[in-house]
Every structure is written in C-alpha cells, then in structure tokens.
Amino acid sequence: MSRLGRKLTWRISAVVIGVFVLSILLNQFFLPKYYFHEMNQRVTQAMKDVERWDKREIETDMAQLEKKYDVTIVAEPLGTSVDSLNEMLGLALSRKQIALNRFWVTAETVEQLKNGAIVNKLYDQGKQKSSFLVSLNEKDGLLVLAGVSIADYNETAKIINEFNFMIMLFGTILVVALTGFFSRKITKPLEELRIVADHISKLNFEKVAIDTKDELEDLATSINVMSDDLKTAHHELLRRNKDLKYFMADLTHELKTPLALIKAYSMGIEDGLDDGTYMKTIVKQTDQIGLIIEELLRFSKMEADPLNIEKLEVRALFDGLLANYQDMMDVDVRIKSEADPKIMILADRVKMEMVFNNLLTNAMKYGVTKQIKIEWQEQDGKLYFLIQNKTTIRDAAVLEHLWKPFYVREASRNKNFSGTGLGLAIVQTVMEQHKYDFGATLQDDWITFYLIFDKA
C-alpha cells in the first residue's frame, strides 16, 4: 500500500474508532440522565394537565390522559389514613398491572400535598432492576398519581456498549479493508501521474491514460495537454537554438568579409600602395557593416514592437509599392488577379509594407531571369498572394532555410547584390506576428513565395 493509502486508511479508521468511543461514553454517562429527564418530563406534563381538570374529568377521562403521555394514572380519596391510602393506591396500580415491592406515600408527603405542593419521587424496586417515577398532586380531595416505570439503565447501557464495542471491532476491520481497496483506486492513478510527471521533467514527454470520470481524469487530461505543449515548446526551443547557431555563423560571415577588406586596404594605405581607390573601398565596406548593424537592431526590435492593426486595402498597398520600383526595375512583372481588388485585411500598414518590399527586392536580386510573376487569388474566405521567379535552387529541402537570417548556403544568393540577408527573416517575423500563413514552394526551376491573409 502506498504512503497516501496508509494515511487514508489509518486516519479514516481513527475517525470511525473515535465515533464509536464517543458513542460508548455518551451511552455510559449522558444517556441515563437524558432518559430520566425525558421520563420526568412525561409525568410532570401529565400532572400539569390534571391541574386543569376538575374531579369529574379525572375520574372519567383518566385513560385519555394515560394514552396521551404513556403513563399510569390513579386517583384515590385523600381523607383516609396513610395506611389505607397506600393500600388503595397499591391495589389501583395492581389493577393496571403495575406490581411494586417498594412504594409508600408518607404522612409528610400527604401533608405537602394538602398544602398545594406537587411532589415527584423515584422508588427503586431493588431486584426488579427498575424504578418507578411518580408525580403526586392533590385535586378536589383526591390524591392523583402519575407514574412510569424506568428500567435500570446501567444494565441496559452495559449491554448496549458491549454491542457497540463488537460493532466497533467489526467496523474497524471493514473500514481498513474498504479504505485500503478504495485508496488503491485513488493512489494508483496518482502514482501513474507521478511517473509521467517524472518522465516529463526528464524531457520524455509521455502521456497517461486514466478513466475515472472524476477530478483525477481532469488532472490527467491537463497533464497530457501540458506534455504536448511542453513537447512543442521544447522542439521549438531546440529549433531556435539551432537557428541561433546558424545565425551567429552567418553573421560572422557577413561581418568577416568587409572587416577583412578594411584591414587589407588599410595596410595597403600604410604601405603606400593606394591607387586612389582604397579609401573609397574602406568607406563602402564600413557602410555595409553599418547597414548590417542597423538592420539587426530593427530585426531584434520587431517582435517586441506592438502591432498597429487597421483595415487595409492590401492590393492597393502593394500596387503603390510596386509603382515605386518601376523606374529602377529592369524586369518584366506580370500580374494576374482573380480576387476583388477592394478586399480588406487587418494588418499593420508599416510592417506589411516591409513584407512586400522584401519579397519584391528578393525576386529582383535572386531571379536568374528578368521575369517576375505575381498572382492574387481568393479562396474559402482567404486572400492569396504569390510571387514567382526562376531560381537555381533544385533541392526543396533548402526552402526551409531561406527564412533564416544571413542564409547564404545556396547558389541563388548572389553576393554581388547589396543587402543584409535579413529580408525573408523579416517577412517570417511579420507574418507570424499577424498569425497569417506563409511559405515557399519549388516547381521545376520556379520558386514561389506565398502569403495567405484572412479577409476582414
């Protein structure tokens, strides 16, 4: 049995034993007093009713009063001698099947009755193991007696306590057995939950199957959900750590080249080899480093910056940006639209401009031909934006790396073009902030970047 099961068993058993012990003590010390109090109340109330009756009612309706209070009532003339009075009372009680071996009304009691007092007395019957409780009163020259037999409760209490003790023993054994059984049903699922929690703490994200239809099942469900969430978060953290390593390697590569050039040309100036172009080269490489640092700062702030959401005519926003490139673009842009040009989306205007700008510049820089295809589609309440250009990428596995900052491991990233290598990383960050889907596909020698917006 588990520790919790033992605690439940012994504590419940202690409660049961305590209840039985309290019951025995009450039976032994308090119940006799309560029993006597109730009997005394019964004869007292009967005598109070007699006080309100006249002599004729007492003689004729005595049986009604006896039935009402479950007592024995007799009435005899008070004018006779004490001996005669006791003899007549004894005979009257005998006729009502009350046999007493110890009963006597004294002259002193008679005198008290004549003076208007109501006298209550308890007559112990000795070997009969009982007592006779009476209430005596004088009413219109009659001595009225209301009495009730009281069993010797000490003997009764002893028998009851012996019986309770046997019940206590049996009950304790039964409680221990049942508590052990039911605590096992409770502690077994808890043990399973403990094991699963221990596995989760060791990054082994398991689940537990518990079918108890109670709070334990709810707890198991919550732990299973937590396990799934932690598993997802853990894998995401591993992915981000891996990406961070690539990021640092790529950043080092981005900074290493201009720094090496600056050093080489500075040494050339120092050695007097400058042909008049060395300083321009140093300035150019310094500007490139400054641009990378500036973009890094903007990129690091992007996730922390709150979104300024508003309704946008996204097609008009894109067309305005595309017009800005018309004079500088030496490419053929073909636009196909199957969507309403007035469709609205909810987005941050500034950040959405960054997304479209980066996709356009990416297509112009890394397309191997001068042709760019742009397409707008509307399906199932969503707006699709697609931009395509020819590429040298042939392995679809490379696509997932394109979103990483400074990714330069594939042939399409022509380093002759200026840039920081953060464009697609910014697209990913902005789209994730808006909770919009995005991605890239490869078909033949065409690469397609797509964005999926929810219509406002």
Protein backbone atom coordinates (compact mmCIF):
# COMPACT_ATOMS: atom_id res chain seq x y z
CA MET A 1 0.00 0.00 0.00
CA SER A 2 1.26 3.46 -0.86
CA ARG A 3 2.03 6.13 1.74
CA LEU A 4 -1.10 8.04 0.81
CA GLY A 5 -3.15 4.83 1.06
CA ARG A 6 -1.79 4.14 4.54
CA LYS A 7 -2.57 7.69 5.64
CA LEU A 8 -6.13 7.44 4.34
CA THR A 9 -6.63 4.02 5.99
CA TRP A 10 -5.35 4.96 9.44
CA ARG A 11 -7.00 8.38 9.53
CA ILE A 12 -10.40 7.09 8.47
CA SER A 13 -10.06 4.18 10.91
CA ALA A 14 -9.17 6.64 13.69
CA VAL A 15 -12.29 8.67 12.88
CA VAL A 16 -14.50 5.56 12.97
CA ILE A 17 -13.00 4.36 16.27
CA GLY A 18 -13.35 7.87 17.72
CA VAL A 19 -17.04 7.95 16.78
CA PHE A 20 -17.68 4.59 18.46
CA VAL A 21 -15.74 5.58 21.60
CA LEU A 22 -17.73 8.80 21.82
CA SER A 23 -20.94 6.82 21.43
CA ILE A 24 -19.95 4.49 24.28
CA LEU A 25 -19.11 7.41 26.56
CA LEU A 26 -22.41 9.10 25.76
CA ASN A 27 -24.31 5.88 26.46
CA GLN A 28 -22.49 5.40 29.75
CA PHE A 29 -22.58 8.89 31.23
CA PHE A 30 -25.10 11.10 29.47
CA LEU A 31 -27.86 8.90 28.06
CA PRO A 32 -29.15 7.75 31.54
CA LYS A 33 -29.55 11.39 32.58
CA TYR A 34 -31.28 12.26 29.34
CA TYR A 35 -33.55 9.20 29.68
CA PHE A 36 -34.52 10.16 33.25
CA HIS A 37 -35.12 13.77 32.18
CA GLU A 38 -37.50 12.64 29.43
CA MET A 39 -39.47 10.34 31.79
CA ASN A 40 -39.69 13.07 34.40
CA GLN A 41 -40.99 15.50 31.76
CA ARG A 42 -43.64 12.98 30.80
CA VAL A 43 -45.14 12.59 34.32
CA THR A 44 -44.74 16.32 35.02
CA GLN A 45 -46.69 17.27 31.88
CA ALA A 46 -49.38 14.74 32.76
CA MET A 47 -49.77 16.26 36.19
CA LYS A 48 -49.97 19.78 34.72
CA ASP A 49 -52.95 18.63 32.64
CA VAL A 50 -54.52 17.17 35.77
CA GLU A 51 -54.23 20.62 37.35
CA ARG A 52 -56.53 21.99 34.61
CA TRP A 53 -59.17 19.23 35.01
CA ASP A 54 -61.91 19.00 37.59
CA LYS A 55 -62.66 15.96 39.73
CA ARG A 56 -65.28 14.54 37.33
CA GLU A 57 -62.91 14.68 34.34
CA ILE A 58 -60.16 12.96 36.33
CA GLU A 59 -62.48 10.06 37.23
CA THR A 60 -63.93 9.68 33.70
CA ASP A 61 -61.19 10.68 31.26
CA MET A 62 -58.11 9.31 33.00
CA ALA A 63 -57.47 6.76 30.23
CA GLN A 64 -57.25 9.54 27.67
CA LEU A 65 -54.54 11.26 29.67
CA GLU A 66 -52.65 7.98 30.17
CA LYS A 67 -52.63 7.36 26.42
CA LYS A 68 -51.50 10.89 25.65
CA TYR A 69 -48.37 10.70 27.84
CA ASP A 70 -47.88 6.93 28.02
CA VAL A 71 -48.01 6.93 31.83
CA THR A 72 -50.08 5.25 34.53
CA ILE A 73 -52.55 7.48 36.44
CA VAL A 74 -54.57 6.56 39.54
CA ALA A 75 -56.63 8.71 41.94
CA GLU A 76 -57.78 7.88 45.47
CA PRO A 77 -59.55 9.92 48.22
CA LEU A 78 -57.07 11.73 50.43
CA GLY A 79 -59.26 11.78 53.58
CA THR A 80 -58.35 8.26 54.78
CA SER A 81 -55.38 7.24 56.88
CA VAL A 82 -51.94 6.96 55.38
CA ASP A 83 -52.01 3.14 55.61
CA SER A 84 -55.41 2.92 53.93
CA LEU A 85 -54.32 5.40 51.28
CA ASN A 86 -51.21 3.37 50.42
CA GLU A 87 -53.24 0.15 50.33
CA MET A 88 -55.79 1.68 47.93
CA LEU A 89 -53.02 3.14 45.74
CA GLY A 90 -51.27 -0.25 45.62
CA LEU A 91 -54.49 -2.03 44.62
CA ALA A 92 -55.24 0.62 41.95
CA LEU A 93 -51.75 0.22 40.49
CA SER A 94 -52.04 -3.57 40.57
CA ARG A 95 -55.29 -3.37 38.59
CA LYS A 96 -53.25 -1.51 35.95
CA GLN A 97 -50.60 -4.26 36.04
CA ILE A 98 -48.05 -2.21 37.96
CA ALA A 99 -46.55 -4.50 40.63
CA LEU A 100 -44.36 -2.64 43.09
CA ASN A 101 -42.41 -4.08 46.01
CA ARG A 102 -41.20 -0.71 47.22
CA PHE A 103 -43.81 2.01 47.24
CA TRP A 104 -45.08 4.13 50.14
CA VAL A 105 -46.61 7.59 50.44
CA THR A 106 -45.52 9.02 53.80
CA ALA A 107 -47.54 11.27 56.08
CA GLU A 108 -45.07 14.04 55.37
CA THR A 109 -45.76 13.74 51.64
CA VAL A 110 -49.51 13.82 52.30
CA GLU A 111 -49.05 16.98 54.33
CA GLN A 112 -47.11 18.59 51.46
CA LEU A 113 -49.87 17.69 49.03
CA LYS A 114 -52.54 19.19 51.26
CA ASN A 115 -50.51 22.40 51.30
CA GLY A 116 -50.76 22.60 47.48
CA ALA A 117 -47.35 21.18 46.52
CA ILE A 118 -46.68 18.77 43.63
CA VAL A 119 -44.25 16.04 44.74
CA ASN A 120 -42.06 13.97 42.40
CA LYS A 121 -40.42 10.82 43.75
CA LEU A 122 -38.38 7.91 42.43
CA TYR A 123 -38.96 4.49 44.04
CA ASP A 124 -36.15 1.96 43.47
CA GLN A 125 -37.60 -1.54 43.01
CA GLY A 126 -34.45 -3.41 44.06
CA LYS A 127 -34.05 -6.83 42.42
CA GLN A 128 -36.54 -5.94 39.72
CA LYS A 129 -33.75 -3.80 38.22
CA SER A 130 -36.14 -0.93 37.70
CA SER A 131 -37.53 2.20 39.35
CA PHE A 132 -40.96 3.80 39.49
CA LEU A 133 -41.07 7.55 38.92
CA VAL A 134 -44.22 9.27 40.20
CA SER A 135 -45.65 12.75 40.35
CA LEU A 136 -48.19 13.28 43.18
CA ASN A 137 -50.80 16.03 43.41
CA GLU A 138 -53.97 16.80 45.39
CA LYS A 139 -57.01 17.72 43.32
CA ASP A 140 -60.50 18.25 44.79
CA GLY A 141 -59.87 15.86 47.73
CA LEU A 142 -58.23 13.20 45.53
CA LEU A 143 -54.60 12.13 45.59
CA VAL A 144 -53.69 11.86 41.93
CA LEU A 145 -50.62 9.78 40.99
CA ALA A 146 -48.99 9.80 37.55
CA GLY A 147 -46.18 7.27 37.29
CA VAL A 148 -43.93 5.49 34.79
CA SER A 149 -41.62 2.53 35.19
CA ILE A 150 -37.94 3.20 34.44
CA ALA A 151 -35.62 0.33 33.64
CA ASP A 152 -32.24 0.17 35.36
CA TYR A 153 -30.32 1.88 32.56
CA ASN A 154 -26.88 0.92 33.83
CA GLU A 155 -27.51 -2.70 32.86
CA THR A 156 -29.02 -1.61 29.55
CA ALA A 157 -26.11 0.74 28.86
CA LYS A 158 -23.65 -2.05 29.60
CA ILE A 159 -25.31 -4.34 27.08
CA ILE A 160 -25.52 -1.56 24.50
CA ASN A 161 -21.86 -0.67 25.00
CA GLU A 162 -20.80 -4.29 24.64
CA PHE A 163 -22.77 -4.48 21.42
CA ASN A 164 -21.25 -1.18 20.22
CA PHE A 165 -17.78 -2.47 21.03
CA MET A 166 -18.31 -5.53 18.86
CA ILE A 167 -19.67 -3.33 16.09
CA MET A 168 -16.61 -1.09 16.50
CA LEU A 169 -14.22 -4.02 16.06
CA PHE A 170 -16.09 -5.30 13.04
CA GLY A 171 -16.48 -1.80 11.63
CA THR A 172 -12.78 -1.02 12.08
CA ILE A 173 -11.77 -4.18 10.22
CA LEU A 174 -14.29 -3.41 7.48
CA VAL A 175 -13.17 0.22 7.23
CA VAL A 176 -9.50 -0.77 7.00
CA ALA A 177 -10.29 -3.26 4.24
CA LEU A 178 -12.57 -0.93 2.27
CA THR A 179 -10.32 2.08 2.73
CA GLY A 180 -7.34 0.09 1.53
CA PHE A 181 -9.32 -1.02 -1.51
CA PHE A 182 -10.66 2.40 -2.42
CA SER A 183 -7.42 4.21 -1.61
CA ARG A 184 -5.73 1.87 -4.06
CA LYS A 185 -8.15 3.06 -6.72
CA ILE A 186 -7.20 6.65 -5.90
CA THR A 187 -3.45 6.24 -5.39
CA LYS A 188 -2.83 4.04 -8.44
CA PRO A 189 -3.80 6.84 -10.89
CA LEU A 190 -1.82 9.30 -8.75
CA GLU A 191 1.22 7.02 -8.99
CA GLU A 192 0.80 6.90 -12.77
CA LEU A 193 0.60 10.70 -12.84
CA ARG A 194 3.75 10.92 -10.70
CA ILE A 195 5.65 8.63 -13.07
CA VAL A 196 4.54 10.62 -16.11
CA ALA A 197 5.44 13.91 -14.39
CA ASP A 198 8.87 12.48 -13.58
CA HIS A 199 9.35 11.49 -17.24
CA ILE A 200 8.25 14.94 -18.39
CA SER A 201 10.80 16.52 -16.03
CA LYS A 202 13.43 14.47 -17.87
CA LEU A 203 12.16 15.79 -21.23
CA ASN A 204 10.49 12.47 -22.07
CA PHE A 205 7.09 13.86 -22.99
CA GLU A 206 4.76 10.94 -22.31
CA LYS A 207 1.01 10.80 -21.76
CA VAL A 208 -1.14 8.98 -19.24
CA ALA A 209 -4.47 7.23 -19.83
CA ILE A 210 -6.77 7.49 -16.80
CA ASP A 211 -10.51 6.81 -16.98
CA THR A 212 -12.01 7.61 -13.56
CA LYS A 213 -14.73 10.10 -14.59
CA ASP A 214 -13.66 12.49 -11.83
CA GLU A 215 -11.10 15.17 -10.98
CA LEU A 216 -8.24 12.69 -11.40
CA GLU A 217 -9.21 12.21 -15.04
CA ASP A 218 -9.39 16.01 -15.43
CA LEU A 219 -5.91 16.27 -13.90
CA ALA A 220 -4.60 13.59 -16.29
CA THR A 221 -6.08 15.47 -19.24
CA SER A 222 -4.40 18.69 -18.09
CA ILE A 223 -1.05 16.89 -17.71
CA ASN A 224 -1.42 15.40 -21.20
CA VAL A 225 -2.11 18.85 -22.64
CA MET A 226 0.85 20.23 -20.69
CA SER A 227 3.04 17.40 -22.03
CA ASP A 228 2.05 18.21 -25.62
CA ASP A 229 2.61 21.93 -25.09
CA LEU A 230 6.00 21.36 -23.44
CA LYS A 231 7.00 18.97 -26.20
CA THR A 232 6.12 21.56 -28.83
CA ALA A 233 7.88 24.31 -26.88
CA HIS A 234 10.94 22.10 -26.35
CA HIS A 235 11.21 21.24 -30.03
CA GLU A 236 10.70 24.90 -30.92
CA LEU A 237 13.45 25.87 -28.47
CA LEU A 238 15.80 23.28 -29.97
CA ARG A 239 15.00 24.60 -33.42
CA ARG A 240 15.60 28.17 -32.35
CA ASN A 241 18.89 27.21 -30.69
CA LYS A 242 19.95 25.50 -33.90
CA ASP A 243 18.85 28.52 -35.90
CA LEU A 244 20.76 30.76 -33.49
CA LYS A 245 23.95 28.81 -34.19
CA TYR A 246 23.42 29.24 -37.92
CA PHE A 247 22.57 32.89 -37.36
CA MET A 248 25.82 33.51 -35.48
CA ALA A 249 27.81 31.67 -38.14
CA ASP A 250 26.13 33.62 -40.94
CA LEU A 251 26.50 36.93 -39.10
CA THR A 252 30.19 36.20 -38.60
CA HIS A 253 30.48 35.50 -42.32
CA GLU A 254 28.65 38.74 -43.19
CA LEU A 255 30.94 40.82 -40.97
CA LYS A 256 34.17 38.94 -41.62
CA THR A 257 34.40 39.80 -45.33
CA PRO A 258 34.10 43.61 -45.04
CA LEU A 259 36.35 43.65 -41.97
CA ALA A 260 38.98 41.67 -43.84
CA LEU A 261 38.78 44.09 -46.78
CA ILE A 262 39.03 47.11 -44.47
CA LYS A 263 42.10 45.61 -42.82
CA ALA A 264 43.74 44.72 -46.16
CA TYR A 265 43.14 48.14 -47.74
CA SER A 266 44.23 49.92 -44.55
CA MET A 267 47.50 48.01 -44.63
CA GLY A 268 47.84 48.91 -48.34
CA ILE A 269 47.45 52.61 -47.50
CA GLU A 270 50.01 52.21 -44.71
CA ASP A 271 52.46 50.59 -47.18
CA GLY A 272 51.88 53.31 -49.75
CA LEU A 273 50.11 51.08 -52.25
CA ASP A 274 46.94 53.21 -52.50
CA ASP A 275 45.99 53.87 -56.12
CA GLY A 276 43.31 56.36 -55.04
CA THR A 277 40.52 53.77 -54.61
CA TYR A 278 41.49 52.21 -51.28
CA MET A 279 39.72 54.79 -49.10
CA LYS A 280 36.51 54.50 -51.14
CA THR A 281 36.59 50.74 -50.65
CA ILE A 282 37.09 51.13 -46.89
CA VAL A 283 34.19 53.60 -46.67
CA LYS A 284 31.99 51.29 -48.74
CA GLN A 285 32.72 48.29 -46.51
CA THR A 286 32.20 50.40 -43.38
CA ASP A 287 28.80 51.48 -44.73
CA GLN A 288 27.96 47.80 -45.37
CA ILE A 289 28.80 46.93 -41.75
CA GLY A 290 26.70 49.88 -40.53
CA LEU A 291 23.80 48.72 -42.68
CA ILE A 292 24.01 45.19 -41.26
CA ILE A 293 24.08 46.50 -37.68
CA GLU A 294 21.14 48.84 -38.34
CA GLU A 295 19.10 46.02 -39.87
CA LEU A 296 19.99 43.74 -36.95
CA LEU A 297 18.72 46.35 -34.48
CA ARG A 298 15.47 46.74 -36.43
CA PHE A 299 15.10 42.97 -36.68
CA SER A 300 15.69 42.44 -32.93
CA LYS A 301 13.07 45.10 -32.08
CA MET A 302 10.47 43.82 -34.50
CA GLU A 303 9.00 41.04 -32.33
CA ALA A 304 8.78 43.34 -29.32
CA ASP A 305 7.10 46.19 -31.19
CA PRO A 306 3.29 46.13 -30.84
CA LEU A 307 1.17 45.85 -33.98
CA ASN A 308 -0.82 48.87 -35.07
CA ILE A 309 -3.71 46.93 -36.62
CA GLU A 310 -6.03 48.64 -39.10
CA LYS A 311 -8.14 47.77 -42.13
CA LEU A 312 -6.09 47.84 -45.30
CA GLU A 313 -6.87 47.53 -49.00
CA VAL A 314 -3.92 45.22 -49.40
CA ARG A 315 -3.99 45.18 -53.21
CA ALA A 316 -3.83 49.00 -53.33
CA LEU A 317 -1.00 48.94 -50.77
CA PHE A 318 1.03 46.52 -52.91
CA ASP A 319 0.34 48.36 -56.17
CA GLY A 320 1.59 51.59 -54.62
CA LEU A 321 4.83 49.91 -53.54
CA LEU A 322 5.27 48.26 -56.94
CA ALA A 323 4.95 51.68 -58.64
CA ASN A 324 7.95 52.90 -56.63
CA TYR A 325 10.11 50.23 -58.30
CA GLN A 326 9.01 50.91 -61.91
CA ASP A 327 11.86 53.32 -62.74
CA MET A 328 14.60 51.18 -61.19
CA MET A 329 13.33 47.75 -62.27
CA ASP A 330 14.86 46.13 -65.30
CA VAL A 331 12.47 43.17 -65.09
CA ASP A 332 9.21 42.05 -66.68
CA VAL A 333 6.47 41.93 -63.98
CA ARG A 334 3.35 40.03 -64.93
CA ILE A 335 0.36 40.36 -62.61
CA LYS A 336 -2.62 38.01 -62.64
CA SER A 337 -5.59 38.68 -60.38
CA GLU A 338 -8.62 36.51 -59.63
CA ALA A 339 -9.54 38.43 -56.49
CA ASP A 340 -11.56 41.55 -55.74
CA PRO A 341 -9.05 44.47 -55.72
CA LYS A 342 -11.00 46.10 -52.86
CA ILE A 343 -10.54 43.20 -50.41
CA MET A 344 -9.66 44.42 -46.93
CA ILE A 345 -7.40 42.72 -44.39
CA LEU A 346 -6.47 43.55 -40.80
CA ALA A 347 -2.76 44.36 -40.56
CA ASP A 348 -0.06 46.81 -39.52
CA ARG A 349 0.49 49.01 -42.58
CA VAL A 350 4.19 49.74 -41.95
CA LYS A 351 5.12 46.14 -41.31
CA MET A 352 3.08 44.88 -44.25
CA GLU A 353 4.94 47.34 -46.49
CA MET A 354 8.18 45.79 -45.26
CA VAL A 355 6.89 42.32 -46.21
CA PHE A 356 6.02 43.30 -49.80
CA ASN A 357 9.20 45.36 -50.23
CA ASN A 358 11.38 42.46 -49.12
CA LEU A 359 9.60 39.96 -51.39
CA LEU A 360 9.94 42.28 -54.38
CA THR A 361 13.63 43.03 -53.80
CA ASN A 362 14.27 39.34 -53.15
CA ALA A 363 12.70 38.41 -56.52
CA MET A 364 14.65 41.13 -58.35
CA LYS A 365 18.00 40.26 -56.75
CA TYR A 366 17.96 36.50 -56.94
CA GLY A 367 15.86 35.76 -60.02
CA VAL A 368 18.01 34.20 -62.78
CA THR A 369 15.82 35.80 -65.45
CA LYS A 370 14.16 39.19 -65.78
CA GLN A 371 10.68 37.76 -65.39
CA ILE A 372 8.60 38.00 -62.20
CA LYS A 373 5.08 36.61 -61.88
CA ILE A 374 2.63 37.97 -59.32
CA GLU A 375 -0.77 36.46 -58.67
CA TRP A 376 -3.75 37.29 -56.42
CA GLN A 377 -6.30 34.57 -55.60
CA GLU A 378 -9.41 34.41 -53.44
CA GLN A 379 -10.44 31.02 -51.97
CA ASP A 380 -12.55 29.94 -49.00
CA GLY A 381 -12.73 33.40 -47.47
CA LYS A 382 -8.96 33.92 -47.71
CA LEU A 383 -6.76 36.07 -49.94
CA TYR A 384 -3.66 34.51 -51.51
CA PHE A 385 -0.62 36.48 -52.73
CA LEU A 386 2.02 34.66 -54.83
CA ILE A 387 5.27 35.99 -56.26
CA GLN A 388 7.44 33.80 -58.54
CA ASN A 389 10.85 33.99 -60.14
CA LYS A 390 13.21 31.49 -61.73
CA THR A 391 15.89 30.13 -59.43
CA THR A 392 18.96 27.93 -59.41
CA ILE A 393 17.63 26.05 -56.34
CA ARG A 394 16.85 22.44 -57.16
CA ASP A 395 16.58 20.90 -53.69
CA ALA A 396 13.24 21.61 -51.95
CA ALA A 397 14.89 20.94 -48.58
CA VAL A 398 16.71 24.26 -48.98
CA LEU A 399 13.44 26.22 -48.84
CA GLU A 400 13.02 26.00 -45.08
CA HIS A 401 16.45 27.61 -44.63
CA LEU A 402 15.62 30.64 -46.76
CA TRP A 403 13.77 32.27 -43.85
CA LYS A 404 16.87 32.25 -41.65
CA PRO A 405 18.84 35.48 -41.25
CA PHE A 406 22.02 35.66 -43.37
CA TYR A 407 21.38 32.30 -45.01
CA VAL A 408 23.98 32.11 -47.82
CA ARG A 409 24.43 28.41 -48.35
CA GLU A 410 22.65 28.09 -51.70
CA ALA A 411 23.62 29.24 -55.14
CA SER A 412 20.71 31.63 -55.69
CA ARG A 413 22.06 34.03 -53.06
CA ASN A 414 24.20 36.10 -55.33
CA LYS A 415 26.53 38.03 -53.07
CA ASN A 416 27.25 40.56 -55.77
CA PHE A 417 23.96 42.19 -54.83
CA SER A 418 23.84 44.54 -51.89
CA GLY A 419 21.75 43.59 -48.88
CA THR A 420 21.83 42.28 -45.33
CA GLY A 421 20.35 38.80 -45.79
CA LEU A 422 17.50 39.65 -43.38
CA GLY A 423 14.71 40.23 -45.91
CA LEU A 424 12.94 36.87 -45.74
CA ALA A 425 13.59 36.63 -41.98
CA ILE A 426 11.67 39.90 -41.59
CA VAL A 427 8.85 38.52 -43.76
CA GLN A 428 8.62 35.47 -41.49
CA THR A 429 8.60 37.54 -38.29
CA VAL A 430 5.89 39.93 -39.51
CA MET A 431 3.63 37.16 -40.82
CA GLU A 432 3.98 35.19 -37.57
CA GLN A 433 3.11 38.32 -35.58
CA HIS A 434 -0.08 38.69 -37.64
CA LYS A 435 -0.76 34.93 -37.37
CA TYR A 436 -1.03 34.70 -41.17
CA ASP A 437 0.25 31.67 -43.11
CA PHE A 438 3.19 31.95 -45.48
CA GLY A 439 5.72 29.73 -47.20
CA ALA A 440 7.67 28.84 -50.31
CA THR A 441 7.35 26.09 -52.92
CA LEU A 442 9.63 24.87 -55.72
CA GLN A 443 8.38 23.60 -59.07
CA ASP A 444 10.73 22.91 -61.94
CA ASP A 445 13.04 25.93 -61.93
CA TRP A 446 10.48 28.38 -60.45
CA ILE A 447 10.37 29.36 -56.79
CA THR A 448 7.07 30.69 -55.40
CA PHE A 449 6.70 32.68 -52.18
CA TYR A 450 3.11 32.87 -50.96
CA LEU A 451 1.19 34.80 -48.28
CA ILE A 452 -2.31 33.89 -47.05
CA PHE A 453 -4.48 36.60 -45.46
CA ASP A 454 -7.81 36.40 -43.67
CA LYS A 455 -10.33 38.81 -45.17
CA ALA A 456 -11.53 41.49 -42.78
